[in-house]
Amino acid sequence: MLASKTYIPLLKTRISEVEAFNFLSDESKQLTFPIFLLRPWPNANFLEHCVNKIAEAADSQPFALGLDAERFGYQSGKVAQQEFDALFDSHLGYKAYFDFLEEIPDAVPVLQPSTSAENILRQLGNATELDRGLVVHQRRGVSQQLSDTVLNLPPIPTDTVFVLDAGWGRDVLQMEAWALPIAERILDAVPDAEIVVMASSFPDSFSHIIGNAEEIAHENGFVEAMRQQLQAANLKYGDWASTRLSQNGGGGSIPARIDISRPSSWQIFRADPSADQNYLDMAGAAQAHPCFSTMPDCWGKQKVAETDGNKEGITGVKMNTSARINAHMTLRAGAEVTLDSDEQPYED
C-alpha cells in the first residue's frame, strides 16, 4: 500500500488540519498517505459534510479514515454527532463503521480497539471483504497490544499497514524502547510487513519564547534509531504533522505567533506579551530570518508572505496552525514541485 509513499501523517479532521492537507501540491499528495481521525465538522448538521471535506482534500488519493475517540459522546444537538457516535457500535466487528467506509471511495479502514479476540477477527473479515487494506494503529500508553492480537488471528488482510505511534514526547530512547520489541514481533511473523514509525514532539508551551527561538523536532531521531536497529525492515516515516495533544485554553489573550517548519526543527516567532506587536510584526521577523528562504514554495509559506496585519495571510492561531502544518507536510513528503499554480482560497 505504501510502496510509492514517503510520508504518513496522522491528522484529526479539524478545520486547520484538513485545510493544510487540502492545499498540498498534487505531487506532495501523491507521496503522502494520510491517516485521518474523523470527528464531526464544526457547526455542520450532518457527518457527511466532514467526509466531503476530507475527500475533496485527498483529491482521489487513498487515505485511512479512523475514528477520533476523543470526540465520542460529545454533548451536541447536531445529527452529525449522533451519526458519529453510531460508528462506535462494536456489533459484528464494527460493521456500522465498515459499512460507512464502503460508501467513501479511497477510504482505508483503521482497526478499532477491542478487548475481544472475536471482535478483532470479525473486523479482519470486514476489512478483507471491503478489500482496501487495513491500518493497525498501535499507540504507546495503551495496554492492549492490537498488533499482537492481529498476528495471532491470521489471515491478515492484504495490504495491512502497522502504525507504531509513540505519541507525544521528546525522549527518543523511551520511544525506541517501546516501539522496537513491537516491531520485532511484527517482523518475526510477517517479515515483509509495512511498518510506519511515528511520534510528535511539537512544543506544548511557548511562554519561554520572546522574539524567536528554534525548537528541535525529535521525530527524526526516533525514526532513524528504529531504522538502524531494523535495517532490513520496510519502515516508513510518520508523525502528527506538527500537532500535539489537545489542550484546553488557559484564558487571556494569546501573543501573536508564527511557526516556521524546518527539516529537523521549528523556528518560533512569538510576540512580546508586554509590547504592541501583531502578526505583521511576526511575519516580518520570520521573512527576515534565514530559515524562510530555505522553505519550499508551498501554500503555508505563501500565507506568511501575504500577512498584512489585517485580513490577509496569517490572521490568527488557526491560520498559523494551517500554514505550519502545510509547510511541515510539504517538507516531509519531499516533493520537487511544492506549489500548484491554480490554488484557490479555502472556504469552510
Protein backbone atom coordinates (compact mmCIF):
# COMPACT_ATOMS: atom_id res chain seq x y z
CA MET A 1 0.00 0.00 0.00
CA LEU A 2 2.83 2.40 0.83
CA ALA A 3 5.21 1.48 -1.99
CA SER A 4 5.14 4.96 -3.55
CA LYS A 5 4.64 6.90 -0.31
CA THR A 6 7.36 8.81 1.54
CA TYR A 7 5.32 10.25 4.41
CA ILE A 8 2.42 9.15 6.62
CA PRO A 9 0.88 11.97 8.71
CA LEU A 10 -1.72 11.43 11.43
CA LEU A 11 -4.36 14.15 11.20
CA LYS A 12 -7.54 14.95 13.06
CA THR A 13 -10.39 16.31 10.97
CA ARG A 14 -10.20 19.78 12.47
CA ILE A 15 -10.54 22.66 10.01
CA SER A 16 -6.88 23.68 10.23
CA GLU A 17 -5.57 20.15 9.57
CA VAL A 18 -7.90 19.36 6.66
CA GLU A 19 -7.22 22.81 5.20
CA ALA A 20 -3.44 22.25 5.41
CA PHE A 21 -3.73 18.93 3.59
CA ASN A 22 -6.14 20.35 1.03
CA PHE A 23 -3.51 22.87 -0.09
CA LEU A 24 -0.66 20.45 -0.51
CA SER A 25 0.60 20.30 -4.08
CA ASP A 26 -0.56 17.41 -6.24
CA GLU A 27 2.89 15.81 -6.09
CA SER A 28 3.02 16.09 -2.30
CA LYS A 29 -0.37 14.37 -2.05
CA GLN A 30 0.82 11.56 -4.31
CA LEU A 31 3.76 10.96 -1.97
CA THR A 32 1.65 11.11 1.20
CA PHE A 33 -0.69 8.58 2.81
CA PRO A 34 -2.67 10.48 5.47
CA ILE A 35 -4.43 8.81 8.37
CA PHE A 36 -7.44 10.95 9.27
CA LEU A 37 -9.19 10.54 12.61
CA LEU A 38 -12.79 11.50 11.89
CA ARG A 39 -14.83 13.85 14.07
CA PRO A 40 -17.85 15.98 13.10
CA TRP A 41 -17.07 19.23 11.28
CA PRO A 42 -17.70 22.31 13.47
CA ASN A 43 -21.28 23.58 13.19
CA ALA A 44 -22.16 21.05 10.46
CA ASN A 45 -25.53 19.37 10.82
CA PHE A 46 -24.50 16.10 9.21
CA LEU A 47 -21.34 13.98 9.30
CA GLU A 48 -21.35 13.85 5.51
CA HIS A 49 -20.07 17.45 5.43
CA CYS A 50 -16.79 16.44 7.07
CA VAL A 51 -16.44 13.38 4.85
CA ASN A 52 -16.87 15.58 1.78
CA LYS A 53 -14.15 17.93 3.03
CA ILE A 54 -11.72 15.03 3.52
CA ALA A 55 -12.49 13.55 0.09
CA GLU A 56 -12.05 16.97 -1.52
CA ALA A 57 -8.69 17.42 0.21
CA ALA A 58 -7.49 13.89 -0.69
CA ASP A 59 -8.32 14.52 -4.35
CA SER A 60 -8.79 10.84 -5.32
CA GLN A 61 -5.65 9.71 -3.47
CA PRO A 62 -6.10 6.87 -0.91
CA PHE A 63 -6.33 7.78 2.76
CA ALA A 64 -7.06 5.96 6.00
CA LEU A 65 -10.13 7.06 7.93
CA GLY A 66 -10.27 6.12 11.60
CA LEU A 67 -12.46 7.48 14.40
CA ASP A 68 -11.42 10.19 16.83
CA ALA A 69 -12.42 8.56 20.13
CA GLU A 70 -11.71 11.84 21.94
CA ARG A 71 -14.87 13.22 20.34
CA PHE A 72 -17.15 10.26 21.14
CA GLY A 73 -20.14 11.20 23.28
CA TYR A 74 -19.56 14.95 22.91
CA GLN A 75 -22.57 16.96 24.05
CA SER A 76 -24.17 18.26 20.88
CA GLY A 77 -27.65 18.55 19.48
CA LYS A 78 -26.41 18.04 15.92
CA VAL A 79 -27.38 14.95 13.93
CA ALA A 80 -23.71 14.76 12.92
CA GLN A 81 -22.76 13.83 16.48
CA GLN A 82 -25.39 11.11 16.62
CA GLU A 83 -24.17 9.71 13.29
CA PHE A 84 -20.59 9.81 14.56
CA ASP A 85 -21.39 8.10 17.87
CA ALA A 86 -23.22 5.31 15.99
CA LEU A 87 -19.95 4.36 14.26
CA PHE A 88 -18.57 3.21 17.62
CA ASP A 89 -21.10 0.36 17.77
CA SER A 90 -18.88 -2.72 18.10
CA HIS A 91 -21.60 -5.15 16.97
CA LEU A 92 -20.40 -7.68 14.35
CA GLY A 93 -16.89 -6.30 14.27
CA TYR A 94 -17.85 -2.60 13.99
CA LYS A 95 -19.97 -3.39 10.96
CA ALA A 96 -21.60 0.06 11.07
CA TYR A 97 -18.16 1.66 10.69
CA PHE A 98 -17.13 -0.63 7.81
CA ASP A 99 -20.47 -0.08 6.04
CA PHE A 100 -19.92 3.67 6.44
CA LEU A 101 -16.48 3.42 4.82
CA GLU A 102 -17.82 1.36 1.93
CA GLU A 103 -19.65 4.47 0.71
CA ILE A 104 -16.44 6.58 0.75
CA PRO A 105 -14.18 5.87 -2.25
CA ASP A 106 -10.44 5.60 -1.45
CA ALA A 107 -11.04 5.32 2.34
CA VAL A 108 -8.99 2.61 4.07
CA PRO A 109 -10.27 1.23 7.40
CA VAL A 110 -8.42 1.57 10.70
CA LEU A 111 -8.76 -1.34 13.13
CA GLN A 112 -10.93 -0.32 16.07
CA PRO A 113 -9.70 -1.19 19.57
CA SER A 114 -11.41 -4.14 21.23
CA THR A 115 -10.53 -6.49 24.08
CA SER A 116 -12.47 -9.24 22.31
CA ALA A 117 -10.46 -11.51 20.01
CA GLU A 118 -13.72 -12.50 18.32
CA ASN A 119 -14.47 -8.85 17.59
CA ILE A 120 -10.99 -8.31 16.12
CA LEU A 121 -11.41 -11.41 13.99
CA ARG A 122 -14.72 -10.10 12.67
CA GLN A 123 -13.05 -6.76 11.87
CA LEU A 124 -10.36 -8.57 9.91
CA GLY A 125 -13.11 -10.29 7.97
CA ASN A 126 -14.89 -6.99 7.35
CA ALA A 127 -11.63 -5.45 6.11
CA THR A 128 -10.98 -8.41 3.83
CA GLU A 129 -14.47 -8.07 2.37
CA LEU A 130 -14.01 -4.33 1.83
CA ASP A 131 -10.70 -5.14 0.10
CA ARG A 132 -8.93 -1.80 0.55
CA GLY A 133 -6.29 -2.88 3.05
CA LEU A 134 -6.19 -2.16 6.78
CA VAL A 135 -4.31 0.12 9.17
CA VAL A 136 -3.43 -1.28 12.60
CA HIS A 137 -2.78 1.80 14.74
CA GLN A 138 -0.84 0.79 17.87
CA ARG A 139 -0.50 3.63 20.40
CA ARG A 140 2.02 3.96 23.21
CA GLY A 141 0.36 4.13 26.60
CA VAL A 142 -2.50 1.80 25.60
CA SER A 143 -2.31 -1.53 27.38
CA GLN A 144 -3.95 -3.56 24.63
CA GLN A 145 -1.43 -4.71 22.01
CA LEU A 146 -3.58 -4.60 18.89
CA SER A 147 -0.71 -5.74 16.68
CA ASP A 148 -0.13 -8.85 18.81
CA THR A 149 -3.83 -9.73 18.68
CA VAL A 150 -3.92 -9.37 14.90
CA LEU A 151 -0.81 -11.52 14.43
CA ASN A 152 -2.45 -14.28 16.47
CA LEU A 153 -5.55 -14.25 14.27
CA PRO A 154 -4.45 -14.96 10.72
CA PRO A 155 -5.05 -14.46 7.89
CA ILE A 156 -4.14 -10.78 7.85
CA PRO A 157 -5.93 -8.77 5.15
CA THR A 158 -3.90 -7.91 2.07
CA ASP A 159 -2.13 -4.53 2.37
CA THR A 160 -2.20 -4.38 6.15
CA VAL A 161 -0.09 -1.49 7.48
CA PHE A 162 1.14 -1.45 11.09
CA VAL A 163 1.47 2.04 12.60
CA LEU A 164 3.61 2.26 15.74
CA ASP A 165 2.61 5.57 17.29
CA ALA A 166 4.88 6.61 20.17
CA GLY A 167 2.65 9.60 20.88
CA TRP A 168 3.83 12.95 22.12
CA GLY A 169 7.22 13.13 23.76
CA ARG A 170 10.87 14.15 23.49
CA ASP A 171 12.67 11.14 24.94
CA VAL A 172 13.88 9.20 21.90
CA LEU A 173 15.29 6.35 23.97
CA GLN A 174 11.94 5.87 25.70
CA MET A 175 10.11 5.89 22.36
CA GLU A 176 12.53 3.35 20.90
CA ALA A 177 12.27 1.09 23.96
CA TRP A 178 8.51 0.92 23.43
CA ALA A 179 8.44 0.54 19.64
CA LEU A 180 11.38 -1.79 18.97
CA PRO A 181 10.03 -5.00 20.57
CA ILE A 182 6.64 -4.49 18.89
CA ALA A 183 8.28 -4.02 15.50
CA GLU A 184 10.42 -7.13 16.07
CA ARG A 185 7.34 -9.24 16.88
CA ILE A 186 5.58 -8.00 13.74
CA LEU A 187 8.61 -8.74 11.55
CA ASP A 188 9.05 -12.20 13.07
CA ALA A 189 5.51 -13.03 11.98
CA VAL A 190 5.42 -11.02 8.73
CA PRO A 191 9.00 -10.33 7.51
CA ASP A 192 7.87 -8.05 4.67
CA ALA A 193 5.33 -6.11 6.76
CA GLU A 194 4.86 -2.41 6.04
CA ILE A 195 5.52 -0.58 9.32
CA VAL A 196 5.08 3.13 9.99
CA VAL A 197 7.00 4.63 12.91
CA MET A 198 5.60 7.93 14.17
CA ALA A 199 5.59 10.35 17.08
CA SER A 200 5.11 14.04 17.87
CA SER A 201 7.40 16.49 19.64
CA PHE A 202 5.83 19.82 18.66
CA PRO A 203 6.20 22.10 21.71
CA ASP A 204 3.45 22.05 24.31
CA SER A 205 4.31 25.54 25.59
CA PHE A 206 5.77 28.76 24.15
CA SER A 207 5.79 31.03 27.20
CA HIS A 208 9.59 30.83 27.38
CA ILE A 209 9.94 32.41 23.92
CA ILE A 210 10.01 36.14 23.27
CA GLY A 211 11.26 37.08 19.83
CA ASN A 212 12.37 33.87 18.14
CA ALA A 213 13.79 30.50 19.12
CA GLU A 214 14.47 27.16 17.48
CA GLU A 215 12.66 24.11 18.86
CA ILE A 216 14.18 20.76 17.90
CA ALA A 217 11.98 18.05 16.34
CA HIS A 218 12.71 14.66 17.92
CA GLU A 219 10.72 12.55 15.46
CA ASN A 220 13.74 12.29 13.14
CA GLY A 221 15.94 10.79 15.83
CA PHE A 222 13.28 8.28 16.80
CA VAL A 223 12.68 7.01 13.28
CA GLU A 224 16.39 6.88 12.44
CA ALA A 225 17.11 4.94 15.62
CA MET A 226 14.49 2.39 14.62
CA ARG A 227 15.93 2.13 11.11
CA GLN A 228 19.39 1.48 12.49
CA GLN A 229 18.06 -1.31 14.67
CA LEU A 230 15.94 -2.85 11.89
CA GLN A 231 17.96 -2.21 8.77
CA ALA A 232 16.26 -4.88 6.68
CA ALA A 233 12.75 -3.76 7.62
CA ASN A 234 10.36 -1.77 5.43
CA LEU A 235 9.95 1.22 7.77
CA LYS A 236 8.16 4.40 6.74
CA TYR A 237 8.39 7.80 8.41
CA GLY A 238 5.27 9.17 10.05
CA ASP A 239 4.36 11.91 12.54
CA TRP A 240 1.48 14.05 13.77
CA ALA A 241 2.13 16.71 11.11
CA SER A 242 3.49 19.17 13.70
CA THR A 243 0.49 18.91 16.02
CA ARG A 244 0.34 17.85 19.66
CA LEU A 245 -2.13 16.55 22.23
CA SER A 246 -5.34 18.53 22.62
CA GLN A 247 -5.06 21.30 25.17
CA ASN A 248 -7.61 23.40 26.99
CA GLY A 249 -7.23 27.14 26.61
CA GLY A 250 -5.64 28.94 29.51
CA GLY A 251 -7.67 32.10 29.07
CA GLY A 252 -6.45 35.60 28.31
CA SER A 253 -5.06 36.95 25.06
CA ILE A 254 -2.58 34.86 23.09
CA PRO A 255 0.51 36.69 21.82
CA ALA A 256 0.84 36.69 18.05
CA ARG A 257 2.98 33.75 16.90
CA ILE A 258 4.20 32.37 13.60
CA ASP A 259 5.80 28.93 13.35
CA ILE A 260 8.18 28.07 10.51
CA SER A 261 8.73 24.38 9.79
CA ARG A 262 12.33 23.32 9.17
CA PRO A 263 13.73 19.89 8.21
CA SER A 264 14.59 18.96 11.82
CA SER A 265 13.05 21.73 13.92
CA TRP A 266 10.60 24.61 14.13
CA GLN A 267 11.58 28.26 14.23
CA ILE A 268 9.12 30.02 16.52
CA PHE A 269 8.47 33.77 16.24
CA ARG A 270 6.44 34.96 19.22
CA ALA A 271 5.39 38.48 20.15
CA ASP A 272 6.43 40.03 23.43
CA PRO A 273 3.24 39.93 25.55
CA SER A 274 4.16 43.31 27.06
CA ALA A 275 4.75 45.01 23.70
CA ASP A 276 2.40 46.18 20.97
CA GLN A 277 3.27 43.51 18.40
CA ASN A 278 0.96 41.75 15.95
CA TYR A 279 1.05 39.11 13.24
CA LEU A 280 2.50 41.57 10.72
CA ASP A 281 5.48 42.11 13.05
CA MET A 282 5.99 38.37 13.49
CA ALA A 283 5.64 37.71 9.76
CA GLY A 284 8.27 40.37 9.07
CA ALA A 285 10.64 38.78 11.58
CA ALA A 286 10.06 35.36 10.04
CA GLN A 287 10.71 36.54 6.49
CA ALA A 288 13.90 38.30 7.58
CA HIS A 289 15.26 35.11 9.17
CA PRO A 290 17.49 32.78 7.09
CA CYS A 291 15.08 29.87 7.65
CA PHE A 292 12.39 31.50 5.50
CA SER A 293 14.37 31.49 2.26
CA THR A 294 15.10 27.77 2.64
CA MET A 295 11.40 26.85 2.97
CA PRO A 296 9.85 25.14 -0.07
CA ASP A 297 7.43 27.29 -2.04
CA CYS A 298 4.20 25.97 -0.58
CA TRP A 299 0.83 27.38 0.45
CA GLY A 300 1.97 27.68 4.09
CA LYS A 301 4.96 29.83 3.13
CA GLN A 302 2.73 31.90 0.88
CA LYS A 303 0.39 32.66 3.78
CA VAL A 304 3.26 34.04 5.86
CA ALA A 305 4.41 36.22 2.94
CA GLU A 306 0.87 37.56 2.41
CA THR A 307 0.45 38.66 6.04
CA ASP A 308 -0.55 42.32 6.16
CA GLY A 309 -1.65 42.67 9.76
CA ASN A 310 -5.26 42.94 8.69
CA LYS A 311 -7.23 40.32 6.71
CA GLU A 312 -4.59 38.64 4.58
CA GLY A 313 -2.12 35.87 5.36
CA ILE A 314 -1.70 34.81 8.99
CA THR A 315 -4.56 36.40 10.86
CA GLY A 316 -4.77 34.25 13.97
CA VAL A 317 -3.98 30.97 15.69
CA LYS A 318 -5.95 28.78 13.27
CA MET A 319 -4.29 30.16 10.14
CA ASN A 320 -0.83 29.91 11.73
CA THR A 321 -1.57 26.26 12.52
CA SER A 322 -2.78 25.56 8.97
CA ALA A 323 0.25 27.23 7.40
CA ARG A 324 2.72 25.42 9.68
CA ILE A 325 1.12 22.01 9.07
CA ASN A 326 1.05 22.57 5.31
CA ALA A 327 4.75 23.54 5.22
CA HIS A 328 5.66 20.66 7.53
CA MET A 329 3.90 18.08 5.36
CA THR A 330 5.46 19.57 2.23
CA LEU A 331 8.93 19.17 3.73
CA ARG A 332 8.27 15.62 4.91
CA ALA A 333 6.80 14.46 1.62
CA GLY A 334 9.90 15.67 -0.22
CA ALA A 335 8.08 16.66 -3.39
CA GLU A 336 10.05 18.53 -6.05
CA VAL A 337 7.01 20.58 -7.10
CA THR A 338 5.69 22.27 -4.00
CA LEU A 339 3.17 24.89 -5.13
CA ASP A 340 0.41 24.48 -7.70
CA SER A 341 -0.43 27.45 -9.85
CA ASP A 342 -4.20 27.12 -9.59
CA GLU A 343 -4.66 27.18 -5.81
CA GLN A 344 -7.80 28.95 -4.68
CA PRO A 345 -8.80 30.43 -1.29
CA TYR A 346 -10.16 27.83 1.13
CA GLU A 347 -13.79 28.02 2.24
CA ASP A 348 -15.05 26.31 5.41
